[in-house]
Amino acid sequence: MAPYNADLHTLLFDLPPLADWVSLPLGIALFVIAVLWSGRVRQPHLANSLCLGILLPVINLTLILVGLHSLGSELNLAWMDLVQQWPI
């Protein structure tokens, strides 16, 4: 294994806090849930398109972002092994 370069690691792989990653998708999901929960949407096609077109992709995006953030340290170390082999 190549020697660990702390300066390169801090420059390239600082992860933002998890709240910065998921605040917008969760805000959109909560808004759509509130609209559907209020019962103001009477058309079934609109309710289905809101659920399937907006809500499910946003929840999937949030789950992917949480997974990437939680695995960030392991992914960073694997990426550093690849980066250090490139000529600089």
C-alpha atoms as a PDB file:
ATOM      1  CA  MET A   1       0.000   0.000   0.000  1.00  0.00           C
ATOM      2  CA  ALA A   2       1.273   3.447  -0.882  1.00  0.00           C
ATOM      3  CA  PRO A   3       2.063   5.949   1.870  1.00  0.00           C
ATOM      4  CA  TYR A   4      -0.866   8.020   3.061  1.00  0.00           C
ATOM      5  CA  ASN A   5      -0.825  11.644   1.949  1.00  0.00           C
ATOM      6  CA  ALA A   6      -2.897  13.594   4.498  1.00  0.00           C
ATOM      7  CA  ASP A   7      -2.736  16.905   2.614  1.00  0.00           C
ATOM      8  CA  LEU A   8      -4.122  15.417  -0.605  1.00  0.00           C
ATOM      9  CA  HIS A   9      -6.789  13.624   1.385  1.00  0.00           C
ATOM     10  CA  THR A  10      -8.010  16.783   3.101  1.00  0.00           C
ATOM     11  CA  LEU A  11      -8.032  18.754  -0.161  1.00  0.00           C
ATOM     12  CA  LEU A  12      -9.954  16.229  -2.241  1.00  0.00           C
ATOM     13  CA  PHE A  13     -12.229  14.292   0.077  1.00  0.00           C
ATOM     14  CA  ASP A  14     -13.790  16.537   2.713  1.00  0.00           C
ATOM     15  CA  LEU A  15     -17.405  15.444   2.973  1.00  0.00           C
ATOM     16  CA  PRO A  16     -20.009  18.052   3.877  1.00  0.00           C
ATOM     17  CA  PRO A  17     -22.243  17.319   6.871  1.00  0.00           C
ATOM     18  CA  LEU A  18     -25.060  14.879   6.248  1.00  0.00           C
ATOM     19  CA  ALA A  19     -27.700  17.553   6.887  1.00  0.00           C
ATOM     20  CA  ASP A  20     -26.380  19.550   3.915  1.00  0.00           C
ATOM     21  CA  TRP A  21     -26.798  16.549   1.655  1.00  0.00           C
ATOM     22  CA  VAL A  22     -30.300  15.476   2.582  1.00  0.00           C
ATOM     23  CA  SER A  23     -32.046  18.701   3.618  1.00  0.00           C
ATOM     24  CA  LEU A  24     -33.359  19.575   0.139  1.00  0.00           C
ATOM     25  CA  PRO A  25     -34.596  16.064  -0.834  1.00  0.00           C
ATOM     26  CA  LEU A  26     -36.235  15.560   2.560  1.00  0.00           C
ATOM     27  CA  GLY A  27     -37.813  19.014   2.387  1.00  0.00           C
ATOM     28  CA  ILE A  28     -39.324  18.197  -0.990  1.00  0.00           C
ATOM     29  CA  ALA A  29     -40.543  14.835   0.297  1.00  0.00           C
ATOM     30  CA  LEU A  30     -42.153  16.404   3.363  1.00  0.00           C
ATOM     31  CA  PHE A  31     -43.861  19.028   1.206  1.00  0.00           C
ATOM     32  CA  VAL A  32     -45.312  16.399  -1.157  1.00  0.00           C
ATOM     33  CA  ILE A  33     -46.386  14.258   1.809  1.00  0.00           C
ATOM     34  CA  ALA A  34     -48.117  17.259   3.403  1.00  0.00           C
ATOM     35  CA  VAL A  35     -49.952  18.063   0.164  1.00  0.00           C
ATOM     36  CA  LEU A  36     -51.111  14.473  -0.216  1.00  0.00           C
ATOM     37  CA  TRP A  37     -52.018  14.147   3.468  1.00  0.00           C
ATOM     38  CA  SER A  38     -54.137  17.307   3.410  1.00  0.00           C
ATOM     39  CA  GLY A  39     -56.525  15.709   0.930  1.00  0.00           C
ATOM     40  CA  ARG A  40     -56.545  18.721  -1.382  1.00  0.00           C
ATOM     41  CA  VAL A  41     -55.507  16.605  -4.365  1.00  0.00           C
ATOM     42  CA  ARG A  42     -58.731  15.030  -5.592  1.00  0.00           C
ATOM     43  CA  GLN A  43     -57.530  13.690  -8.935  1.00  0.00           C
ATOM     44  CA  PRO A  44     -56.147  10.143  -8.583  1.00  0.00           C
ATOM     45  CA  HIS A  45     -53.800  10.551 -11.553  1.00  0.00           C
ATOM     46  CA  LEU A  46     -52.198  13.636 -10.008  1.00  0.00           C
ATOM     47  CA  ALA A  47     -51.827  11.894  -6.662  1.00  0.00           C
ATOM     48  CA  ASN A  48     -50.220   8.891  -8.353  1.00  0.00           C
ATOM     49  CA  SER A  49     -47.855  11.071 -10.355  1.00  0.00           C
ATOM     50  CA  LEU A  50     -46.862  12.995  -7.219  1.00  0.00           C
ATOM     51  CA  CYS A  51     -46.180   9.767  -5.346  1.00  0.00           C
ATOM     52  CA  LEU A  52     -44.436   7.867  -8.096  1.00  0.00           C
ATOM     53  CA  GLY A  53     -42.873  10.757  -9.969  1.00  0.00           C
ATOM     54  CA  ILE A  54     -41.579  12.927  -7.152  1.00  0.00           C
ATOM     55  CA  LEU A  55     -41.830  11.233  -3.776  1.00  0.00           C
ATOM     56  CA  LEU A  56     -40.250   7.855  -4.523  1.00  0.00           C
ATOM     57  CA  PRO A  57     -37.249   9.234  -6.482  1.00  0.00           C
ATOM     58  CA  VAL A  58     -36.594  11.803  -3.745  1.00  0.00           C
ATOM     59  CA  ILE A  59     -36.670   9.124  -1.051  1.00  0.00           C
ATOM     60  CA  ASN A  60     -34.347   6.929  -3.136  1.00  0.00           C
ATOM     61  CA  LEU A  61     -31.969   9.859  -3.622  1.00  0.00           C
ATOM     62  CA  THR A  62     -31.961  10.475   0.123  1.00  0.00           C
ATOM     63  CA  LEU A  63     -31.158   6.826   0.843  1.00  0.00           C
ATOM     64  CA  ILE A  64     -28.314   6.869  -1.693  1.00  0.00           C
ATOM     65  CA  LEU A  65     -26.876  10.056  -0.189  1.00  0.00           C
ATOM     66  CA  VAL A  66     -27.025   8.646   3.343  1.00  0.00           C
ATOM     67  CA  GLY A  67     -25.285   5.475   2.146  1.00  0.00           C
ATOM     68  CA  LEU A  68     -22.569   7.424   0.366  1.00  0.00           C
ATOM     69  CA  HIS A  69     -22.020   9.605   3.396  1.00  0.00           C
ATOM     70  CA  SER A  70     -21.822   6.657   5.783  1.00  0.00           C
ATOM     71  CA  LEU A  71     -19.424   4.774   3.509  1.00  0.00           C
ATOM     72  CA  GLY A  72     -17.430   7.902   2.715  1.00  0.00           C
ATOM     73  CA  SER A  73     -14.397   7.025   4.785  1.00  0.00           C
ATOM     74  CA  GLU A  74     -14.026   3.573   3.218  1.00  0.00           C
ATOM     75  CA  LEU A  75     -14.631   4.923  -0.289  1.00  0.00           C
ATOM     76  CA  ASN A  76     -12.108   7.713   0.290  1.00  0.00           C
ATOM     77  CA  LEU A  77      -9.389   5.270   1.298  1.00  0.00           C
ATOM     78  CA  ALA A  78     -10.054   3.085  -1.755  1.00  0.00           C
ATOM     79  CA  TRP A  79     -10.023   6.162  -4.003  1.00  0.00           C
ATOM     80  CA  MET A  80      -6.753   7.348  -2.441  1.00  0.00           C
ATOM     81  CA  ASP A  81      -5.131   4.030  -3.360  1.00  0.00           C
ATOM     82  CA  LEU A  82      -6.072   4.683  -7.010  1.00  0.00           C
ATOM     83  CA  VAL A  83      -5.115   8.368  -7.012  1.00  0.00           C
ATOM     84  CA  GLN A  84      -1.646   7.793  -5.571  1.00  0.00           C
ATOM     85  CA  GLN A  85      -0.757   5.532  -8.468  1.00  0.00           C
ATOM     86  CA  TRP A  86      -1.323   8.289 -11.022  1.00  0.00           C
ATOM     87  CA  PRO A  87       1.749  10.329 -11.953  1.00  0.00           C
ATOM     88  CA  ILE A  88       1.418  13.873 -10.680  1.00  0.00           C
END
